[in-house]
Protein backbone atom coordinates (compact mmCIF):
# COMPACT_ATOMS: atom_id res chain seq x y z
CA MET A 1 -41.07 -11.77 -125.88
CA LYS A 2 -42.08 -13.72 -122.74
CA ALA A 3 -45.17 -15.52 -121.59
CA ARG A 4 -46.31 -12.51 -119.60
CA ASP A 5 -46.51 -10.50 -122.92
CA VAL A 6 -48.95 -12.66 -124.74
CA MET A 7 -50.79 -14.95 -122.21
CA THR A 8 -54.45 -14.61 -121.70
CA THR A 9 -55.46 -13.25 -118.33
CA PRO A 10 -57.66 -13.39 -116.25
CA VAL A 11 -58.22 -17.10 -116.78
CA VAL A 12 -61.49 -18.87 -117.02
CA THR A 13 -61.24 -21.85 -114.51
CA THR A 14 -63.44 -24.57 -113.02
CA LYS A 15 -63.35 -26.75 -109.88
CA PRO A 16 -62.89 -30.54 -109.47
CA THR A 17 -66.42 -30.69 -108.11
CA ALA A 18 -67.96 -28.95 -111.09
CA SER A 19 -70.13 -30.95 -113.53
CA VAL A 20 -69.00 -31.80 -117.03
CA LYS A 21 -72.22 -30.05 -118.34
CA ASP A 22 -71.14 -26.85 -116.58
CA VAL A 23 -67.66 -27.04 -118.27
CA VAL A 24 -69.31 -27.48 -121.64
CA LYS A 25 -71.25 -24.34 -120.92
CA LEU A 26 -68.11 -22.51 -120.09
CA PHE A 27 -66.52 -23.60 -123.49
CA LEU A 28 -69.58 -22.35 -125.43
CA GLN A 29 -70.04 -19.08 -123.37
CA HIS A 30 -66.41 -17.96 -123.56
CA HIS A 31 -65.46 -19.59 -126.96
CA ILE A 32 -62.64 -21.58 -125.49
CA SER A 33 -61.60 -25.22 -125.85
CA ALA A 34 -60.07 -25.93 -122.39
CA VAL A 35 -59.95 -24.67 -118.81
CA PRO A 36 -57.58 -25.26 -115.96
CA VAL A 37 -58.98 -26.95 -112.88
CA VAL A 38 -58.13 -25.23 -109.59
CA ASP A 39 -58.69 -26.07 -106.00
CA ASP A 40 -59.93 -23.74 -103.23
CA LYS A 41 -56.49 -22.16 -102.93
CA SER A 42 -56.35 -21.42 -106.69
CA LYS A 43 -53.63 -24.07 -107.23
CA VAL A 44 -53.76 -25.88 -110.58
CA VAL A 45 -54.77 -29.49 -110.05
CA GLY A 46 -55.72 -30.48 -113.61
CA ILE A 47 -56.91 -29.25 -116.95
CA ILE A 48 -60.01 -30.25 -118.93
CA SER A 49 -60.25 -29.74 -122.69
CA GLU A 50 -62.46 -30.78 -125.69
CA SER A 51 -60.27 -33.77 -126.23
CA ASP A 52 -61.25 -35.09 -122.76
CA LEU A 53 -64.88 -34.93 -123.84
CA ILE A 54 -64.66 -36.45 -127.36
CA ARG A 55 -65.56 -40.06 -126.21
CA ARG A 56 -68.80 -39.39 -124.36
CA ALA A 57 -71.95 -41.51 -123.85
CA GLU A 58 -74.21 -38.44 -124.42
CA SER A 59 -72.95 -38.15 -128.06
CA GLY A 60 -72.66 -41.82 -128.72
CA THR A 61 -68.93 -41.59 -129.33
CA GLU A 62 -67.67 -43.66 -126.45
CA TRP A 63 -65.18 -46.33 -127.15
CA GLN A 64 -66.65 -49.57 -128.45
CA ARG A 65 -63.70 -51.97 -128.25
CA PRO A 66 -64.16 -55.48 -129.67
CA TRP A 67 -64.65 -58.14 -126.99
CA TRP A 68 -62.03 -60.36 -128.58
CA LEU A 69 -59.42 -57.58 -128.32
CA THR A 70 -60.00 -57.50 -124.50
CA LEU A 71 -59.86 -61.27 -124.37
CA LEU A 72 -56.47 -61.28 -126.07
CA THR A 73 -54.97 -58.37 -124.15
CA GLY A 74 -56.72 -58.80 -120.85
CA ASN A 75 -56.69 -55.02 -120.51
CA GLU A 76 -59.84 -54.73 -118.33
CA GLN A 77 -58.38 -51.75 -116.56
CA ARG A 78 -58.39 -49.81 -119.72
CA LEU A 79 -62.02 -50.62 -120.25
CA ALA A 80 -62.80 -49.41 -116.83
CA GLU A 81 -60.88 -46.05 -117.46
CA ASP A 82 -62.70 -45.71 -120.77
CA TYR A 83 -66.07 -46.10 -118.92
CA VAL A 84 -65.25 -43.47 -116.46
CA LYS A 85 -64.31 -40.95 -119.20
CA ALA A 86 -67.42 -41.57 -121.14
CA HIS A 87 -69.90 -41.57 -118.16
CA ALA A 88 -68.50 -39.54 -115.28
CA THR A 89 -70.38 -36.42 -114.40
CA LYS A 90 -67.72 -34.67 -112.42
CA VAL A 91 -64.65 -32.80 -113.65
CA ALA A 92 -62.38 -34.58 -111.21
CA ASP A 93 -63.15 -37.90 -113.06
CA VAL A 94 -62.53 -36.64 -116.47
CA MET A 95 -59.81 -33.98 -116.34
CA THR A 96 -56.11 -34.55 -117.13
CA ARG A 97 -54.15 -34.52 -113.85
CA LYS A 98 -50.64 -34.33 -115.07
CA VAL A 99 -50.51 -30.62 -116.14
CA VAL A 100 -47.49 -29.06 -117.89
CA THR A 101 -47.12 -25.52 -116.71
CA THR A 102 -44.72 -22.55 -117.46
CA THR A 103 -43.78 -19.28 -115.78
CA PRO A 104 -44.52 -15.57 -116.79
CA ASP A 105 -40.80 -15.03 -117.55
CA ALA A 106 -40.42 -18.00 -119.96
CA PRO A 107 -39.35 -16.97 -123.47
CA LEU A 108 -41.81 -17.79 -126.25
CA ASN A 109 -39.37 -20.05 -128.03
CA GLU A 110 -39.17 -22.17 -124.95
CA ILE A 111 -42.93 -22.34 -124.59
CA ALA A 112 -43.25 -23.27 -128.38
CA SER A 113 -40.95 -26.25 -127.63
CA VAL A 114 -42.90 -27.32 -124.59
CA LEU A 115 -46.18 -27.30 -126.65
CA GLU A 116 -44.54 -29.26 -129.52
CA THR A 117 -42.74 -31.80 -127.26
CA ASN A 118 -45.75 -32.60 -125.19
CA ARG A 119 -48.20 -32.42 -128.05
CA ILE A 120 -50.53 -29.99 -126.16
CA LYS A 121 -52.31 -26.95 -127.36
CA ARG A 122 -51.97 -24.73 -124.28
CA VAL A 123 -50.08 -24.42 -121.01
CA PRO A 124 -51.17 -22.73 -117.71
CA VAL A 125 -48.83 -19.87 -116.53
CA VAL A 126 -48.01 -20.15 -112.87
CA HIS A 127 -46.21 -17.77 -110.49
CA ASN A 128 -45.34 -18.94 -106.94
CA GLY A 129 -47.77 -21.73 -107.43
CA ASP A 130 -50.71 -19.48 -108.37
CA LEU A 131 -52.42 -19.43 -111.74
CA VAL A 132 -51.87 -16.05 -113.43
CA GLY A 133 -52.59 -16.81 -117.04
CA ILE A 134 -52.78 -19.33 -119.84
CA LEU A 135 -50.89 -19.42 -123.14
CA SER A 136 -52.05 -21.18 -126.20
CA ARG A 137 -50.87 -21.94 -129.73
CA ALA A 138 -53.27 -19.17 -130.78
CA ASN A 139 -51.56 -16.69 -128.54
CA LEU A 140 -48.24 -17.53 -130.32
CA VAL A 141 -49.82 -16.90 -133.67
CA GLN A 142 -51.22 -13.68 -132.42
CA ALA A 143 -47.73 -12.59 -131.26
CA ILE A 144 -46.49 -13.03 -134.76
CA ALA A 145 -49.43 -11.08 -136.26
CA SER A 146 -49.00 -8.16 -133.71
CA HIS A 147 -45.25 -7.97 -133.98
CA GLY A 148 -44.37 -4.48 -135.08
CA SER A 149 -41.83 -3.31 -137.74
CA LYS A 150 -38.33 -4.21 -136.91
CA LEU A 151 -37.12 -0.80 -138.28
CA ASP A 152 -37.02 2.47 -136.57
CA VAL A 153 -34.51 4.11 -138.85
CA PRO A 154 -33.46 3.27 -142.51
CA ILE A 155 -30.59 0.81 -142.80
CA SER A 156 -27.98 1.21 -145.57
CA ASP A 157 -27.59 -1.36 -148.34
CA ALA A 158 -24.02 -2.04 -147.15
CA THR A 159 -25.24 -2.84 -143.70
CA ILE A 160 -28.00 -5.14 -144.98
CA ARG A 161 -25.51 -7.08 -147.04
CA ASP A 162 -22.97 -7.29 -144.15
CA ARG A 163 -25.65 -8.60 -141.81
CA LEU A 164 -26.90 -11.20 -144.16
CA LEU A 165 -23.46 -12.56 -145.03
CA LYS A 166 -22.49 -12.55 -141.29
CA HIS A 167 -25.52 -14.41 -140.35
CA LEU A 168 -25.10 -16.96 -143.11
CA SER A 169 -21.40 -17.46 -142.17
CA MET A 170 -22.60 -18.89 -138.87
CA GLN A 171 -24.87 -21.42 -140.52
CA ARG A 172 -23.26 -24.84 -141.01
CA TRP A 173 -25.47 -25.54 -144.05
CA ALA A 174 -24.69 -22.41 -145.96
CA HIS A 175 -21.96 -22.44 -148.61
CA THR A 176 -21.27 -18.73 -148.58
CA ASP A 177 -18.23 -18.98 -150.73
CA LEU A 178 -20.47 -19.91 -153.71
CA LEU A 179 -22.91 -17.08 -152.89
CA ASN A 180 -22.96 -13.52 -154.12
CA VAL A 181 -25.29 -10.95 -152.59
CA THR A 182 -26.01 -7.60 -154.02
CA VAL A 183 -28.36 -4.97 -152.37
CA ASN A 184 -29.82 -2.01 -154.16
CA ASP A 185 -32.42 0.30 -152.48
CA SER A 186 -33.03 -2.39 -149.76
CA VAL A 187 -33.78 -5.04 -152.34
CA VAL A 188 -31.56 -8.18 -152.06
CA ASP A 189 -30.35 -10.18 -155.14
CA LEU A 190 -29.02 -13.59 -154.39
CA TRP A 191 -26.64 -15.11 -156.99
CA GLY A 192 -24.56 -18.21 -157.05
CA LEU A 193 -24.87 -21.91 -156.28
CA ALA A 194 -26.73 -23.78 -153.56
CA ALA A 195 -26.22 -27.44 -152.64
CA SER A 196 -29.98 -28.24 -152.55
CA ASP A 197 -33.31 -26.66 -152.80
CA ALA A 198 -33.54 -26.73 -149.00
CA GLU A 199 -30.30 -24.51 -148.78
CA ARG A 200 -31.70 -22.30 -151.51
CA ASN A 201 -34.84 -21.66 -149.66
CA ALA A 202 -33.12 -21.19 -146.32
CA ILE A 203 -30.78 -18.50 -147.86
CA ARG A 204 -33.82 -16.78 -149.26
CA VAL A 205 -35.68 -16.85 -145.81
CA ALA A 206 -32.49 -15.62 -144.12
CA ALA A 207 -32.39 -12.65 -146.46
CA GLU A 208 -36.02 -11.87 -145.97
CA ASN A 209 -35.55 -11.67 -142.22
CA VAL A 210 -32.81 -9.19 -142.27
CA PRO A 211 -34.09 -5.89 -140.95
CA GLY A 212 -34.51 -3.34 -143.61
CA VAL A 213 -35.00 -5.68 -146.49
CA ARG A 214 -37.91 -4.68 -148.75
CA ALA A 215 -37.81 -7.62 -151.15
CA VAL A 216 -35.58 -10.61 -152.21
CA ASN A 217 -34.90 -11.81 -155.75
CA ASP A 218 -33.63 -15.39 -155.72
CA ARG A 219 -31.42 -15.87 -158.75
CA MET A 220 -29.55 -18.83 -157.33
CA THR A 221 -29.08 -22.26 -159.01
CA VAL A 222 -29.03 -25.66 -157.40
CA GLY A 223 -26.22 -28.02 -158.06
CA PRO A 224 -23.63 -30.53 -156.53
CA ILE A 225 -20.94 -29.00 -154.33
CA PHE A 226 -17.60 -30.68 -155.21
CA ALA A 227 -14.43 -30.68 -153.25
CA ASP A 228 -12.68 -28.76 -155.93
CA ARG A 229 -15.19 -25.87 -155.40
CA VAL A 230 -15.15 -25.68 -151.65
CA GLY A 231 -12.01 -26.12 -149.54
CA LYS A 232 -12.12 -28.93 -147.04
CA SER A 233 -11.14 -26.59 -144.27
CA GLY A 234 -14.33 -24.68 -144.78
CA THR A 235 -12.57 -21.46 -145.64
CA GLY A 236 -14.26 -21.29 -148.96
CA LYS A 237 -10.97 -21.22 -151.01
CA ARG A 238 -11.28 -22.79 -154.35
CA ALA A 239 -8.77 -25.21 -155.67
CA ASN A 240 -6.32 -23.93 -158.31
CA PRO A 241 -6.74 -25.94 -161.53
CA ALA A 242 -3.13 -24.99 -162.67
CA ALA A 243 -1.82 -26.33 -159.43
CA LYS A 244 -3.50 -29.63 -160.16
CA GLN A 245 -2.03 -29.93 -163.59
CA ALA A 246 1.45 -29.01 -162.21
CA GLY A 247 1.11 -31.83 -159.66
């Protein structure tokens, strides 16, 4: 899925010349927590969110930095910036100017990384410089909830088993040589040894995500993986005890 498939459109916006009080009314009226700020040509020039309005004089929450801290750091510029954030009446003075944007064709996994890396909750969607939508964390969650069934036709037990083992064989953390998988009536049973609880959980999750699986029974145990159990080449061949004694 791509941004265009889940983004919110049309977008509620505001102008740099709008008042902070007007923006608050937009938040309440549309049940949103942020709006992009656009100029007269509908180009994104900023974004204003609830986080920009947390430290406000009206609510008595503006920063009260100790005088001695300012004396030690000499950071009078920061105090001036805090004052503007707390007392300015126009959006232009309060909004965040450095806006991270995305495109309608951006895949959702890419957008999730952008939100996580920049520690933001939403990203405007822009096409040829024009604002065409906005995509938030909530939209990503809704995409999960609305995702339909992965199945169109029944899948055989053998196919399920083959797909799971093939998938696990490509994971560097999976010790597939110590794993046995059985599938009966689309129910997967996992047997064998996992190197850790994390690997055990990962194998279970992998099984649950194979199309066609109705349920997964985790019968694995957790224990140390020794060299005599797993070949160093990664082929999964086990050492021959008799060969050891002969040597």
